[in-house]
Amino acid sequence: MIAIYPGSFDPITFGHLDIITRGSELFEQVIVAVLCNPSKQPLFTVEKRIEQIRYCTQNLPNVEIDSFTGLTVTYAKLKSAKVLLRGLRVLSDFEKELQMAHTNKTLQGEIETVFLATAKEYSFLSSSVVKEIAQFGGEITHLVPKKVAEDIYKTYGITT
C-alpha cells in the first residue's frame, strides 16, 4: 500500500523524519510530497527541500520524494495512494488535522488518513520554531540533521 506524507518541509525536522521512518515500516511505499504553495514565502526552494529530504532519507529504500501543487487528494489519486500519512504533536494539531481528514474524505472517499503521534521528544518541534531559533544564531542541530542546519545558517548568513 502506498502512503503520501504531504507537507511543506521548510525545513525538514527530526519530527518529520520520525514520521517518515515509522511510516516506511508500516507501508510498502511512502511518498514524501513537498507542497508547492505559491501564496507562501518559503526559506528554501522546492528543489532544495527535495534535495534535503532525499539526503535525509537515503537509507530508506521504500521512500520516494516528489512535489505537487493543488489538492493533496488529487495528487494521492494520481499516485494510486490509499493513505495520507499525518503526524500529530499536540491537541491543536488534532483539531486541524481531523477537519482536513474529513474534508479530504468528502473529496476522495477511498483515501484514508492515518495519524501517527510524533515521538514525545519532538512534540514541540516545528519548522517555524527551527527557523526562528536559527535566524538569531541559536543551536538547531538537535532539531534538524546537520546538513539541513548548515543550509539554514547559510541562508541566514550565519557562520557557525
N, C-alpha and C. Protein backbone atom coordinates (compact mmCIF):
# COMPACT_ATOMS: atom_id res chain seq x y z
N MET A 1 0.84 -1.18 0.00
CA MET A 1 0.00 0.00 0.00
C MET A 1 0.89 1.25 0.00
N ILE A 2 0.49 2.23 -0.78
CA ILE A 2 1.23 3.49 -0.90
C ILE A 2 0.62 4.53 0.02
N ALA A 3 1.48 5.23 0.76
CA ALA A 3 1.06 6.33 1.62
C ALA A 3 1.74 7.61 1.14
N ILE A 4 1.01 8.70 1.18
CA ILE A 4 1.54 10.02 0.86
C ILE A 4 1.72 10.77 2.17
N TYR A 5 2.91 11.32 2.38
CA TYR A 5 3.16 12.19 3.53
C TYR A 5 3.38 13.59 2.98
N PRO A 6 2.30 14.40 2.94
CA PRO A 6 2.41 15.73 2.35
C PRO A 6 2.84 16.78 3.38
N GLY A 7 3.48 17.83 2.88
CA GLY A 7 3.85 18.93 3.76
C GLY A 7 4.74 19.92 3.04
N SER A 8 5.06 21.00 3.73
CA SER A 8 5.96 21.99 3.14
C SER A 8 7.42 21.64 3.43
N PHE A 9 7.69 21.03 4.58
CA PHE A 9 9.04 20.58 4.94
C PHE A 9 10.07 21.70 4.75
N ASP A 10 9.76 22.86 5.30
CA ASP A 10 10.61 24.04 5.12
C ASP A 10 11.13 24.57 6.45
N PRO A 11 12.10 23.91 7.05
CA PRO A 11 12.88 22.77 6.60
C PRO A 11 12.34 21.46 7.18
N ILE A 12 12.90 20.36 6.70
CA ILE A 12 12.59 19.05 7.28
C ILE A 12 13.23 19.00 8.67
N THR A 13 12.50 18.44 9.62
CA THR A 13 12.98 18.35 11.01
C THR A 13 13.09 16.89 11.43
N PHE A 14 13.67 16.67 12.61
CA PHE A 14 13.71 15.31 13.14
C PHE A 14 12.30 14.78 13.42
N GLY A 15 11.35 15.66 13.69
CA GLY A 15 9.96 15.24 13.85
C GLY A 15 9.40 14.67 12.56
N HIS A 16 9.64 15.37 11.44
CA HIS A 16 9.22 14.85 10.14
C HIS A 16 9.88 13.50 9.86
N LEU A 17 11.18 13.43 10.12
CA LEU A 17 11.92 12.19 9.84
C LEU A 17 11.43 11.03 10.70
N ASP A 18 10.99 11.32 11.91
CA ASP A 18 10.39 10.30 12.77
C ASP A 18 9.14 9.71 12.10
N ILE A 19 8.28 10.57 11.59
CA ILE A 19 7.05 10.12 10.93
C ILE A 19 7.39 9.35 9.64
N ILE A 20 8.34 9.86 8.87
CA ILE A 20 8.73 9.18 7.62
C ILE A 20 9.28 7.79 7.92
N THR A 21 10.17 7.70 8.88
CA THR A 21 10.79 6.42 9.23
C THR A 21 9.75 5.42 9.71
N ARG A 22 8.89 5.84 10.61
CA ARG A 22 7.87 4.94 11.13
C ARG A 22 6.86 4.58 10.06
N GLY A 23 6.52 5.54 9.20
CA GLY A 23 5.61 5.27 8.09
C GLY A 23 6.20 4.26 7.12
N SER A 24 7.51 4.34 6.91
CA SER A 24 8.16 3.40 5.98
C SER A 24 8.14 1.97 6.51
N GLU A 25 7.97 1.83 7.81
CA GLU A 25 7.86 0.50 8.42
C GLU A 25 6.43 -0.04 8.33
N LEU A 26 5.47 0.85 8.14
CA LEU A 26 4.05 0.45 8.10
C LEU A 26 3.52 0.24 6.68
N PHE A 27 4.11 0.94 5.72
CA PHE A 27 3.58 0.93 4.35
C PHE A 27 4.64 0.44 3.36
N GLU A 28 4.17 -0.15 2.27
CA GLU A 28 5.09 -0.63 1.23
C GLU A 28 5.91 0.50 0.64
N GLN A 29 5.26 1.65 0.45
CA GLN A 29 5.94 2.82 -0.09
C GLN A 29 5.39 4.07 0.57
N VAL A 30 6.28 5.00 0.89
CA VAL A 30 5.88 6.31 1.40
C VAL A 30 6.42 7.34 0.42
N ILE A 31 5.52 8.17 -0.08
CA ILE A 31 5.92 9.27 -0.94
C ILE A 31 5.86 10.55 -0.11
N VAL A 32 7.02 11.14 0.14
CA VAL A 32 7.08 12.42 0.83
C VAL A 32 6.82 13.47 -0.25
N ALA A 33 5.70 14.14 -0.15
CA ALA A 33 5.25 15.06 -1.19
C ALA A 33 5.36 16.50 -0.71
N VAL A 34 6.28 17.23 -1.30
CA VAL A 34 6.52 18.62 -0.93
C VAL A 34 5.50 19.49 -1.66
N LEU A 35 4.72 20.21 -0.88
CA LEU A 35 3.69 21.08 -1.44
C LEU A 35 4.30 22.36 -1.98
N CYS A 36 3.96 22.68 -3.23
CA CYS A 36 4.35 23.96 -3.84
C CYS A 36 3.19 24.91 -3.58
N ASN A 37 3.36 25.80 -2.63
CA ASN A 37 2.30 26.72 -2.28
C ASN A 37 2.72 28.13 -2.70
N PRO A 38 2.18 28.65 -3.81
CA PRO A 38 2.61 29.95 -4.32
C PRO A 38 2.26 31.12 -3.40
N SER A 39 1.37 30.91 -2.44
CA SER A 39 0.99 32.01 -1.54
C SER A 39 1.92 32.13 -0.33
N LYS A 40 2.86 31.20 -0.19
CA LYS A 40 3.81 31.25 0.94
C LYS A 40 5.20 31.63 0.44
N GLN A 41 5.97 32.23 1.31
CA GLN A 41 7.36 32.58 1.02
C GLN A 41 8.27 31.65 1.82
N PRO A 42 8.62 30.50 1.25
CA PRO A 42 9.44 29.54 1.99
C PRO A 42 10.90 29.99 2.10
N LEU A 43 11.60 29.42 3.06
CA LEU A 43 13.02 29.67 3.23
C LEU A 43 13.80 29.04 2.09
N PHE A 44 13.40 27.82 1.69
CA PHE A 44 14.08 27.07 0.64
C PHE A 44 13.17 26.84 -0.55
N THR A 45 13.78 26.73 -1.73
CA THR A 45 13.02 26.37 -2.92
C THR A 45 12.51 24.94 -2.78
N VAL A 46 11.55 24.59 -3.59
CA VAL A 46 11.05 23.22 -3.59
C VAL A 46 12.18 22.25 -3.93
N GLU A 47 13.01 22.62 -4.90
CA GLU A 47 14.13 21.77 -5.31
C GLU A 47 15.11 21.53 -4.16
N LYS A 48 15.40 22.58 -3.39
CA LYS A 48 16.31 22.45 -2.26
C LYS A 48 15.70 21.57 -1.18
N ARG A 49 14.41 21.73 -0.93
CA ARG A 49 13.75 20.89 0.08
C ARG A 49 13.76 19.43 -0.35
N ILE A 50 13.51 19.18 -1.62
CA ILE A 50 13.56 17.80 -2.13
C ILE A 50 14.97 17.23 -1.95
N GLU A 51 15.97 18.02 -2.28
CA GLU A 51 17.37 17.58 -2.10
C GLU A 51 17.65 17.23 -0.64
N GLN A 52 17.22 18.08 0.29
CA GLN A 52 17.44 17.84 1.72
C GLN A 52 16.74 16.57 2.18
N ILE A 53 15.49 16.38 1.76
CA ILE A 53 14.74 15.21 2.18
C ILE A 53 15.36 13.93 1.60
N ARG A 54 15.77 13.99 0.33
CA ARG A 54 16.44 12.83 -0.27
C ARG A 54 17.69 12.46 0.52
N TYR A 55 18.48 13.46 0.87
CA TYR A 55 19.70 13.22 1.64
C TYR A 55 19.37 12.55 2.98
N CYS A 56 18.33 13.05 3.63
CA CYS A 56 17.97 12.57 4.97
C CYS A 56 17.29 11.20 4.97
N THR A 57 16.76 10.79 3.83
CA THR A 57 16.02 9.52 3.77
C THR A 57 16.70 8.50 2.87
N GLN A 58 17.93 8.75 2.50
CA GLN A 58 18.62 7.85 1.56
C GLN A 58 18.75 6.42 2.07
N ASN A 59 18.65 6.24 3.37
CA ASN A 59 18.74 4.89 3.96
C ASN A 59 17.39 4.17 4.00
N LEU A 60 16.35 4.79 3.48
CA LEU A 60 15.00 4.21 3.49
C LEU A 60 14.60 3.88 2.05
N PRO A 61 14.80 2.64 1.62
CA PRO A 61 14.61 2.30 0.21
C PRO A 61 13.17 2.42 -0.30
N ASN A 62 12.20 2.39 0.58
CA ASN A 62 10.81 2.48 0.12
C ASN A 62 10.23 3.89 0.26
N VAL A 63 11.10 4.89 0.40
CA VAL A 63 10.66 6.28 0.49
C VAL A 63 11.04 7.00 -0.79
N GLU A 64 10.05 7.65 -1.37
CA GLU A 64 10.24 8.44 -2.60
C GLU A 64 9.95 9.89 -2.26
N ILE A 65 10.64 10.81 -2.92
CA ILE A 65 10.42 12.23 -2.69
C ILE A 65 9.88 12.84 -3.99
N ASP A 66 8.85 13.67 -3.85
CA ASP A 66 8.24 14.30 -5.01
C ASP A 66 7.69 15.65 -4.58
N SER A 67 7.14 16.39 -5.53
CA SER A 67 6.48 17.65 -5.21
C SER A 67 5.15 17.70 -5.95
N PHE A 68 4.28 18.56 -5.49
CA PHE A 68 2.97 18.69 -6.14
C PHE A 68 2.37 20.05 -5.86
N THR A 69 1.40 20.41 -6.68
CA THR A 69 0.58 21.60 -6.44
C THR A 69 -0.87 21.14 -6.44
N GLY A 70 -1.72 21.96 -5.85
CA GLY A 70 -3.14 21.62 -5.85
C GLY A 70 -3.55 20.81 -4.64
N LEU A 71 -4.61 20.05 -4.81
CA LEU A 71 -5.17 19.28 -3.70
C LEU A 71 -4.37 18.01 -3.44
N THR A 72 -4.14 17.74 -2.18
CA THR A 72 -3.40 16.54 -1.80
C THR A 72 -4.10 15.28 -2.27
N VAL A 73 -5.43 15.23 -2.15
CA VAL A 73 -6.16 14.02 -2.54
C VAL A 73 -6.09 13.78 -4.05
N THR A 74 -6.02 14.84 -4.83
CA THR A 74 -5.87 14.69 -6.28
C THR A 74 -4.50 14.09 -6.59
N TYR A 75 -3.48 14.59 -5.90
CA TYR A 75 -2.13 14.05 -6.07
C TYR A 75 -2.09 12.58 -5.62
N ALA A 76 -2.71 12.28 -4.49
CA ALA A 76 -2.73 10.91 -3.97
C ALA A 76 -3.38 9.96 -4.97
N LYS A 77 -4.48 10.38 -5.55
CA LYS A 77 -5.16 9.54 -6.54
C LYS A 77 -4.26 9.32 -7.76
N LEU A 78 -3.59 10.36 -8.19
CA LEU A 78 -2.66 10.26 -9.33
C LEU A 78 -1.56 9.23 -9.06
N LYS A 79 -1.12 9.14 -7.80
CA LYS A 79 -0.05 8.22 -7.41
C LYS A 79 -0.59 6.86 -6.96
N SER A 80 -1.89 6.65 -7.05
CA SER A 80 -2.55 5.40 -6.63
C SER A 80 -2.35 5.12 -5.14
N ALA A 81 -2.26 6.17 -4.36
CA ALA A 81 -2.10 6.03 -2.92
C ALA A 81 -3.46 5.87 -2.26
N LYS A 82 -3.51 5.06 -1.23
CA LYS A 82 -4.75 4.83 -0.48
C LYS A 82 -4.75 5.53 0.87
N VAL A 83 -3.56 6.06 1.26
CA VAL A 83 -3.41 6.61 2.61
C VAL A 83 -2.69 7.96 2.55
N LEU A 84 -3.19 8.89 3.35
CA LEU A 84 -2.47 10.13 3.64
C LEU A 84 -1.91 9.98 5.05
N LEU A 85 -0.63 10.15 5.19
CA LEU A 85 0.05 10.00 6.47
C LEU A 85 0.23 11.37 7.08
N ARG A 86 -0.16 11.51 8.34
CA ARG A 86 -0.05 12.80 9.01
C ARG A 86 0.49 12.59 10.43
N GLY A 87 1.30 13.52 10.88
CA GLY A 87 1.83 13.48 12.23
C GLY A 87 1.05 14.40 13.14
N LEU A 88 0.90 13.98 14.38
CA LEU A 88 0.20 14.80 15.39
C LEU A 88 1.15 15.09 16.53
N ARG A 89 1.27 16.36 16.90
CA ARG A 89 2.13 16.75 18.02
C ARG A 89 1.31 17.08 19.26
N VAL A 90 0.37 17.97 19.08
CA VAL A 90 -0.41 18.49 20.22
C VAL A 90 -1.90 18.50 19.85
N LEU A 91 -2.73 18.79 20.83
CA LEU A 91 -4.19 18.78 20.64
C LEU A 91 -4.63 19.70 19.50
N SER A 92 -4.03 20.87 19.39
CA SER A 92 -4.42 21.80 18.31
C SER A 92 -4.15 21.19 16.94
N ASP A 93 -3.10 20.38 16.80
CA ASP A 93 -2.85 19.67 15.54
C ASP A 93 -4.02 18.74 15.23
N PHE A 94 -4.49 18.04 16.26
CA PHE A 94 -5.56 17.07 16.06
C PHE A 94 -6.81 17.74 15.49
N GLU A 95 -7.19 18.86 16.05
CA GLU A 95 -8.39 19.56 15.58
C GLU A 95 -8.27 19.95 14.11
N LYS A 96 -7.14 20.53 13.75
CA LYS A 96 -6.91 20.95 12.37
C LYS A 96 -6.82 19.74 11.43
N GLU A 97 -6.08 18.73 11.84
CA GLU A 97 -5.88 17.55 11.00
C GLU A 97 -7.16 16.74 10.83
N LEU A 98 -7.97 16.65 11.87
CA LEU A 98 -9.24 15.93 11.76
C LEU A 98 -10.17 16.63 10.78
N GLN A 99 -10.23 17.95 10.87
CA GLN A 99 -11.04 18.71 9.92
C GLN A 99 -10.56 18.47 8.49
N MET A 100 -9.25 18.48 8.28
CA MET A 100 -8.68 18.25 6.96
C MET A 100 -8.98 16.82 6.48
N ALA A 101 -8.88 15.85 7.39
CA ALA A 101 -9.15 14.45 7.03
C ALA A 101 -10.60 14.28 6.59
N HIS A 102 -11.52 14.89 7.33
CA HIS A 102 -12.93 14.80 6.96
C HIS A 102 -13.20 15.48 5.61
N THR A 103 -12.57 16.62 5.41
CA THR A 103 -12.72 17.34 4.14
C THR A 103 -12.18 16.49 2.99
N ASN A 104 -10.99 15.92 3.18
CA ASN A 104 -10.39 15.07 2.14
C ASN A 104 -11.29 13.87 1.82
N LYS A 105 -11.91 13.32 2.86
CA LYS A 105 -12.80 12.16 2.68
C LYS A 105 -13.99 12.53 1.79
N THR A 106 -14.48 13.76 1.91
CA THR A 106 -15.60 14.18 1.05
C THR A 106 -15.16 14.36 -0.40
N LEU A 107 -13.87 14.62 -0.61
CA LEU A 107 -13.34 14.82 -1.96
C LEU A 107 -12.94 13.51 -2.63
N GLN A 108 -12.34 12.61 -1.87
CA GLN A 108 -11.89 11.31 -2.38
C GLN A 108 -12.18 10.27 -1.31
N GLY A 109 -13.36 9.69 -1.34
CA GLY A 109 -13.83 8.78 -0.30
C GLY A 109 -12.99 7.54 -0.09
N GLU A 110 -12.22 7.13 -1.11
CA GLU A 110 -11.43 5.90 -0.98
C GLU A 110 -10.06 6.13 -0.32
N ILE A 111 -9.72 7.38 -0.05
CA ILE A 111 -8.42 7.68 0.57
C ILE A 111 -8.61 7.89 2.07
N GLU A 112 -7.84 7.14 2.85
CA GLU A 112 -7.89 7.23 4.31
C GLU A 112 -6.75 8.10 4.83
N THR A 113 -6.96 8.72 5.96
CA THR A 113 -5.90 9.46 6.64
C THR A 113 -5.49 8.65 7.86
N VAL A 114 -4.18 8.43 7.99
CA VAL A 114 -3.63 7.72 9.14
C VAL A 114 -2.77 8.70 9.92
N PHE A 115 -3.07 8.83 11.21
CA PHE A 115 -2.33 9.73 12.08
C PHE A 115 -1.30 8.96 12.90
N LEU A 116 -0.09 9.48 12.96
CA LEU A 116 0.93 8.94 13.86
C LEU A 116 1.26 10.02 14.88
N ALA A 117 1.23 9.65 16.14
CA ALA A 117 1.64 10.58 17.18
C ALA A 117 3.15 10.76 17.09
N THR A 118 3.59 11.99 17.04
CA THR A 118 5.01 12.27 16.98
C THR A 118 5.67 11.81 18.27
N ALA A 119 6.89 11.32 18.17
CA ALA A 119 7.63 10.92 19.36
C ALA A 119 7.68 12.10 20.34
N LYS A 120 7.57 11.80 21.62
CA LYS A 120 7.42 12.87 22.62
C LYS A 120 8.56 13.88 22.59
N GLU A 121 9.77 13.43 22.22
CA GLU A 121 10.89 14.37 22.20
C GLU A 121 10.78 15.41 21.08
N TYR A 122 9.85 15.19 20.15
CA TYR A 122 9.65 16.15 19.07
C TYR A 122 8.28 16.83 19.13
N SER A 123 7.57 16.67 20.23
CA SER A 123 6.20 17.18 20.32
C SER A 123 6.12 18.71 20.27
N PHE A 124 7.21 19.39 20.53
CA PHE A 124 7.24 20.85 20.50
C PHE A 124 7.77 21.39 19.17
N LEU A 125 8.28 20.51 18.35
CA LEU A 125 9.10 20.88 17.20
C LEU A 125 8.27 21.22 15.97
N SER A 126 8.60 22.34 15.34
CA SER A 126 8.00 22.72 14.06
C SER A 126 9.07 23.40 13.22
N SER A 127 8.84 23.43 11.93
CA SER A 127 9.79 24.11 11.03
C SER A 127 9.92 25.58 11.38
N SER A 128 8.81 26.21 11.76
CA SER A 128 8.86 27.64 12.09
C SER A 128 9.68 27.89 13.36
N VAL A 129 9.61 26.99 14.33
CA VAL A 129 10.43 27.11 15.54
C VAL A 129 11.91 27.03 15.16
N VAL A 130 12.25 26.08 14.30
CA VAL A 130 13.64 25.91 13.86
C VAL A 130 14.14 27.19 13.19
N LYS A 131 13.34 27.74 12.28
CA LYS A 131 13.75 28.95 11.56
C LYS A 131 13.92 30.13 12.51
N GLU A 132 13.03 30.25 13.48
CA GLU A 132 13.12 31.37 14.43
C GLU A 132 14.39 31.28 15.26
N ILE A 133 14.71 30.10 15.75
CA ILE A 133 15.93 29.91 16.53
C ILE A 133 17.15 30.20 15.67
N ALA A 134 17.16 29.66 14.46
CA ALA A 134 18.32 29.79 13.58
C ALA A 134 18.59 31.23 13.16
N GLN A 135 17.56 31.99 12.88
CA GLN A 135 17.81 33.35 12.41
C GLN A 135 18.44 34.23 13.47
N PHE A 136 18.37 33.81 14.72
CA PHE A 136 19.03 34.54 15.79
C PHE A 136 20.32 33.85 16.24
N GLY A 137 20.77 32.88 15.42
CA GLY A 137 22.05 32.23 15.66
C GLY A 137 22.01 31.12 16.70
N GLY A 138 20.83 30.68 17.10
CA GLY A 138 20.70 29.62 18.09
C GLY A 138 21.07 28.25 17.53
N GLU A 139 21.35 27.35 18.42
CA GLU A 139 21.74 25.98 18.06
C GLU A 139 20.51 25.19 17.61
N ILE A 140 20.60 24.55 16.43
CA ILE A 140 19.46 23.79 15.89
C ILE A 140 19.83 22.36 15.48
N THR A 141 21.08 21.95 15.70
CA THR A 141 21.48 20.61 15.23
C THR A 141 20.81 19.49 16.01
N HIS A 142 20.16 19.79 17.12
CA HIS A 142 19.39 18.78 17.84
C HIS A 142 17.94 18.73 17.33
N LEU A 143 17.61 19.61 16.37
CA LEU A 143 16.25 19.71 15.83
C LEU A 143 16.15 19.28 14.37
N VAL A 144 17.25 19.44 13.66
CA VAL A 144 17.31 19.08 12.23
C VAL A 144 18.65 18.40 11.95
N PRO A 145 18.73 17.59 10.89
CA PRO A 145 20.01 16.99 10.53
C PRO A 145 21.08 18.06 10.27
N LYS A 146 22.32 17.70 10.50
CA LYS A 146 23.44 18.65 10.41
C LYS A 146 23.49 19.36 9.05
N LYS A 147 23.33 18.61 7.97
CA LYS A 147 23.37 19.21 6.63
C LYS A 147 22.26 20.25 6.47
N VAL A 148 21.09 19.97 6.98
CA VAL A 148 19.97 20.90 6.89
C VAL A 148 20.27 22.14 7.74
N ALA A 149 20.83 21.94 8.92
CA ALA A 149 21.21 23.07 9.78
C ALA A 149 22.21 23.97 9.05
N GLU A 150 23.18 23.36 8.40
CA GLU A 150 24.17 24.15 7.64
C GLU A 150 23.50 24.98 6.55
N ASP A 151 22.56 24.36 5.84
CA ASP A 151 21.82 25.09 4.80
C ASP A 151 21.04 26.26 5.39
N ILE A 152 20.43 26.04 6.53
CA ILE A 152 19.63 27.09 7.18
C ILE A 152 20.54 28.25 7.58
N TYR A 153 21.62 27.95 8.29
CA TYR A 153 22.54 29.00 8.72
C TYR A 153 23.09 29.77 7.53
N LYS A 154 23.43 29.06 6.45
CA LYS A 154 23.97 29.70 5.25
C LYS A 154 22.94 30.66 4.66
N THR A 155 21.66 30.23 4.62
CA THR A 155 20.60 31.08 4.08
C THR A 155 20.44 32.35 4.90
N TYR A 156 20.61 32.24 6.21
CA TYR A 156 20.50 33.43 7.07
C TYR A 156 21.81 34.19 7.19
N GLY A 157 22.85 33.71 6.51
CA GLY A 157 24.14 34.40 6.55
C GLY A 157 24.86 34.28 7.88
N ILE A 158 24.63 33.16 8.57
CA ILE A 158 25.23 32.93 9.88
C ILE A 158 26.33 31.90 9.74
N THR A 159 27.51 32.23 10.25
CA THR A 159 28.61 31.26 10.23
C THR A 159 28.67 30.57 11.59
N THR A 160 28.91 29.27 11.55
CA THR A 160 28.93 28.51 12.80
C THR A 160 30.32 27.98 13.07
